[in-house]
C-alpha atoms as a PDB file:
ATOM      1  CA  UNK A   1     134.501  19.779 187.943  1.00  0.00           C
ATOM      2  CA  UNK A   2     135.203  23.455 186.333  1.00  0.00           C
ATOM      3  CA  UNK A   3     138.186  21.722 184.175  1.00  0.00           C
ATOM      4  CA  UNK A   4     135.540  19.431 182.460  1.00  0.00           C
ATOM      5  CA  UNK A   5     133.113  22.577 181.986  1.00  0.00           C
ATOM      6  CA  UNK A   6     135.766  24.703 180.361  1.00  0.00           C
ATOM      7  CA  UNK A   7     136.849  21.516 178.134  1.00  0.00           C
ATOM      8  CA  UNK A   8     133.668  21.081 177.156  1.00  0.00           C
ATOM      9  CA  UNK A   9     132.936  24.610 176.116  1.00  0.00           C
ATOM     10  CA  UNK A  10     136.220  24.740 174.461  1.00  0.00           C
ATOM     11  CA  UNK A  11     134.929  21.769 172.536  1.00  0.00           C
ATOM     12  CA  UNK A  12     131.892  24.029 171.959  1.00  0.00           C
ATOM     13  CA  UNK A  13     133.932  26.747 170.469  1.00  0.00           C
ATOM     14  CA  UNK A  14     136.438  24.732 168.108  1.00  0.00           C
ATOM     15  CA  UNK A  15     132.810  23.134 166.737  1.00  0.00           C
ATOM     16  CA  UNK A  16     131.748  26.380 166.121  1.00  0.00           C
ATOM     17  CA  UNK A  17     134.952  27.500 164.244  1.00  0.00           C
ATOM     18  CA  UNK A  18     135.180  24.147 162.286  1.00  0.00           C
ATOM     19  CA  UNK A  19     131.227  25.007 161.419  1.00  0.00           C
ATOM     20  CA  UNK A  20     133.050  29.050 160.374  1.00  0.00           C
ATOM     21  CA  UNK A  21     135.180  27.096 158.366  1.00  0.00           C
ATOM     22  CA  UNK A  22     132.906  25.309 156.146  1.00  0.00           C
ATOM     23  CA  UNK A  23     130.333  28.018 156.204  1.00  0.00           C
ATOM     24  CA  UNK A  24     133.283  30.411 154.859  1.00  0.00           C
ATOM     25  CA  UNK A  25     134.876  28.103 152.927  1.00  0.00           C
ATOM     26  CA  UNK A  26     132.501  26.164 150.967  1.00  0.00           C
ATOM     27  CA  UNK A  27     129.434  27.725 151.387  1.00  0.00           C
ATOM     28  CA  UNK A  28     129.730  31.626 151.375  1.00  0.00           C
ATOM     29  CA  UNK A  29     128.183  32.107 147.741  1.00  0.00           C
ATOM     30  CA  UNK A  30     125.574  29.243 148.427  1.00  0.00           C
ATOM     31  CA  UNK A  31     121.990  29.861 149.373  1.00  0.00           C
ATOM     32  CA  UNK A  32     122.751  28.469 153.070  1.00  0.00           C
ATOM     33  CA  UNK A  33     125.825  30.695 153.279  1.00  0.00           C
ATOM     34  CA  UNK A  34     124.405  33.729 151.954  1.00  0.00           C
ATOM     35  CA  UNK A  35     121.533  33.555 154.490  1.00  0.00           C
ATOM     36  CA  UNK A  36     123.653  33.078 157.434  1.00  0.00           C
ATOM     37  CA  UNK A  37     125.772  35.822 156.883  1.00  0.00           C
ATOM     38  CA  UNK A  38     122.766  37.758 154.931  1.00  0.00           C
ATOM     39  CA  UNK A  39     124.734  38.803 151.698  1.00  0.00           C
ATOM     40  CA  UNK A  40     123.818  39.588 148.498  1.00  0.00           C
ATOM     41  CA  UNK A  41     124.445  36.869 145.437  1.00  0.00           C
ATOM     42  CA  UNK A  42     126.824  39.698 144.182  1.00  0.00           C
ATOM     43  CA  UNK A  43     128.486  40.393 147.263  1.00  0.00           C
ATOM     44  CA  UNK A  44     129.188  36.908 148.330  1.00  0.00           C
ATOM     45  CA  UNK A  45     130.552  36.518 144.670  1.00  0.00           C
ATOM     46  CA  UNK A  46     132.937  38.913 145.045  1.00  0.00           C
ATOM     47  CA  UNK A  47     133.990  37.796 148.179  1.00  0.00           C
ATOM     48  CA  UNK A  48     134.114  34.856 148.242  1.00  0.00           C
ATOM     49  CA  UNK A  49     137.773  34.424 147.777  1.00  0.00           C
ATOM     50  CA  UNK A  50     138.562  36.677 151.128  1.00  0.00           C
ATOM     51  CA  UNK A  51     135.314  34.235 152.940  1.00  0.00           C
ATOM     52  CA  UNK A  52     137.333  31.513 152.418  1.00  0.00           C
ATOM     53  CA  UNK A  53     140.509  33.293 153.419  1.00  0.00           C
ATOM     54  CA  UNK A  54     138.833  33.797 156.701  1.00  0.00           C
ATOM     55  CA  UNK A  55     137.012  30.348 157.240  1.00  0.00           C
ATOM     56  CA  UNK A  56     141.006  28.935 157.058  1.00  0.00           C
ATOM     57  CA  UNK A  57     142.207  31.345 159.865  1.00  0.00           C
ATOM     58  CA  UNK A  58     139.051  29.859 161.660  1.00  0.00           C
ATOM     59  CA  UNK A  59     140.048  26.304 161.110  1.00  0.00           C
ATOM     60  CA  UNK A  60     143.333  27.303 162.057  1.00  0.00           C
ATOM     61  CA  UNK A  61     141.756  28.695 165.623  1.00  0.00           C
ATOM     62  CA  UNK A  62     139.576  25.631 165.527  1.00  0.00           C
ATOM     63  CA  UNK A  63     142.841  23.042 165.831  1.00  0.00           C
ATOM     64  CA  UNK A  64     144.693  25.255 168.239  1.00  0.00           C
ATOM     65  CA  UNK A  65     142.212  24.428 170.654  1.00  0.00           C
ATOM     66  CA  UNK A  66     141.492  20.931 169.905  1.00  0.00           C
ATOM     67  CA  UNK A  67     145.185  20.836 170.017  1.00  0.00           C
ATOM     68  CA  UNK A  68     145.660  22.090 173.591  1.00  0.00           C
ATOM     69  CA  UNK A  69     142.773  19.875 174.595  1.00  0.00           C
ATOM     70  CA  UNK A  70     144.788  17.171 173.180  1.00  0.00           C
ATOM     71  CA  UNK A  71     147.629  18.466 175.312  1.00  0.00           C
ATOM     72  CA  UNK A  72     146.008  17.729 178.883  1.00  0.00           C
ATOM     73  CA  UNK A  73     146.722  19.241 181.395  1.00  0.00           C
ATOM     74  CA  UNK A  74     150.043  20.358 179.454  1.00  0.00           C
ATOM     75  CA  UNK A  75     147.739  22.240 177.129  1.00  0.00           C
ATOM     76  CA  UNK A  76     146.437  24.835 179.492  1.00  0.00           C
ATOM     77  CA  UNK A  77     148.817  27.662 178.126  1.00  0.00           C
ATOM     78  CA  UNK A  78     147.821  26.742 174.525  1.00  0.00           C
ATOM     79  CA  UNK A  79     143.806  26.765 175.632  1.00  0.00           C
ATOM     80  CA  UNK A  80     144.298  30.220 177.201  1.00  0.00           C
ATOM     81  CA  UNK A  81     146.288  31.691 174.089  1.00  0.00           C
ATOM     82  CA  UNK A  82     143.579  30.379 171.586  1.00  0.00           C
ATOM     83  CA  UNK A  83     140.652  31.523 173.625  1.00  0.00           C
ATOM     84  CA  UNK A  84     142.313  35.106 173.924  1.00  0.00           C
ATOM     85  CA  UNK A  85     142.717  34.905 170.012  1.00  0.00           C
ATOM     86  CA  UNK A  86     138.993  34.013 169.621  1.00  0.00           C
ATOM     87  CA  UNK A  87     137.690  36.712 171.928  1.00  0.00           C
ATOM     88  CA  UNK A  88     139.494  38.898 170.585  1.00  0.00           C
ATOM     89  CA  UNK A  89     138.638  38.292 166.732  1.00  0.00           C
ATOM     90  CA  UNK A  90     135.053  37.988 168.179  1.00  0.00           C
ATOM     91  CA  UNK A  91     135.602  41.441 169.818  1.00  0.00           C
ATOM     92  CA  UNK A  92     136.958  43.092 166.863  1.00  0.00           C
ATOM     93  CA  UNK A  93     134.285  41.780 164.450  1.00  0.00           C
ATOM     94  CA  UNK A  94     131.009  42.742 166.926  1.00  0.00           C
ATOM     95  CA  UNK A  95     133.019  46.179 166.419  1.00  0.00           C
ATOM     96  CA  UNK A  96     133.738  46.589 162.814  1.00  0.00           C
ATOM     97  CA  UNK A  97     131.044  43.739 161.076  1.00  0.00           C
ATOM     98  CA  UNK A  98     128.108  42.268 163.142  1.00  0.00           C
ATOM     99  CA  UNK A  99     127.323  42.486 167.001  1.00  0.00           C
ATOM    100  CA  UNK A 100     126.168  39.006 166.686  1.00  0.00           C
ATOM    101  CA  UNK A 101     129.569  38.274 166.281  1.00  0.00           C
ATOM    102  CA  UNK A 102     130.107  39.246 170.211  1.00  0.00           C
ATOM    103  CA  UNK A 103     127.804  36.967 171.175  1.00  0.00           C
ATOM    104  CA  UNK A 104     127.780  33.801 168.850  1.00  0.00           C
ATOM    105  CA  UNK A 105     131.890  33.647 168.837  1.00  0.00           C
ATOM    106  CA  UNK A 106     133.673  36.156 171.991  1.00  0.00           C
ATOM    107  CA  UNK A 107     130.944  34.932 174.427  1.00  0.00           C
ATOM    108  CA  UNK A 108     131.080  31.450 174.425  1.00  0.00           C
ATOM    109  CA  UNK A 109     135.235  31.941 174.324  1.00  0.00           C
ATOM    110  CA  UNK A 110     135.121  33.980 177.363  1.00  0.00           C
ATOM    111  CA  UNK A 111     132.783  32.235 179.149  1.00  0.00           C
ATOM    112  CA  UNK A 112     134.900  28.782 178.226  1.00  0.00           C
ATOM    113  CA  UNK A 113     138.275  31.245 178.973  1.00  0.00           C
ATOM    114  CA  UNK A 114     136.998  32.127 182.429  1.00  0.00           C
ATOM    115  CA  UNK A 115     136.183  28.707 183.232  1.00  0.00           C
ATOM    116  CA  UNK A 116     139.724  27.385 182.689  1.00  0.00           C
ATOM    117  CA  UNK A 117     141.336  30.325 184.657  1.00  0.00           C
ATOM    118  CA  UNK A 118     139.208  29.743 187.571  1.00  0.00           C
ATOM    119  CA  UNK A 119     139.810  25.850 187.525  1.00  0.00           C
END
C-alpha cells in the first residue's frame, strides 16, 4: 500500500517536472510562461536560453524518476537518488529564487521520498 502511494507521488513529481520542462523550454517568454513565473517581457527575452537549459535539467529529473518506476522494486535506489536531487533543487530554489518552489517542487518530492523509504 505504502509503495503504491509512493509511486503515485513519484508519478506526480515526474509530471510536474515534465511541465516545468515545457514551460521553461517552450513558453518561458510567452504570456503563459511570463505569468506563471512572474516575468517581465524584457527579462524573459534575455533569459530564455538559460531557462531552456534549466528546463532540460528538469526533463532529466523526470526521466530518472520514470526510469526508477520502470525498474520496479529494483529501481528503489534510482528513485531515492532522483527524489533527493529534486528535494535539493527545490530547497535551493526555495531559498534563492522563490519560496513557492519549496511547496511546488520540494514538498511533493519529500513526501514521495518519505513514503518510499517507509514502504
